[in-house]
Amino acid sequence: MKEKTMGRSKRTRKAKKSKNFLLYILLVIVTLYVLYMIVDQQIKIRDAKTELAQVDEIIFTQEQKNAELKKVSDAVKNNDEKAFAGYVERIAREELDYVKNGEVVFINIAGD
């Protein structure tokens, strides 16, 4: 009778060892998956922050342009020719590269 009970206990030990091994493997797989998901989310968050910074910069630039156009619009409404002429002159110089008669333009080739 003792032989039968000893055989059973060896089998239950083997079953427990294989069960524990499977649980260990499952735990390792789940841990690796969680780590992968954390790293993936961090990468997505970093990319989203970069994109947000770019969009904030675009918004800031556009708000400055809007404020400038508002000033010009107010100048036109109030018949403030001096302010409007200053705006037109600045646009002609900066965007169209115009110069006044007799004006000498120096170009910095060093890029400083």
Foldseek 3Di string as FASTA:
>chain_A
DVVVVVVVVVVVVVVVVVVVVVVVVVVVVVVVVVVVVVVVVVVVVVVVVVVVVVVVVVVVVVVVVVVLVVVLVVCVVVVVVVSVVVVVVVCCCPPVVDDDPPDDDDDDPVPD
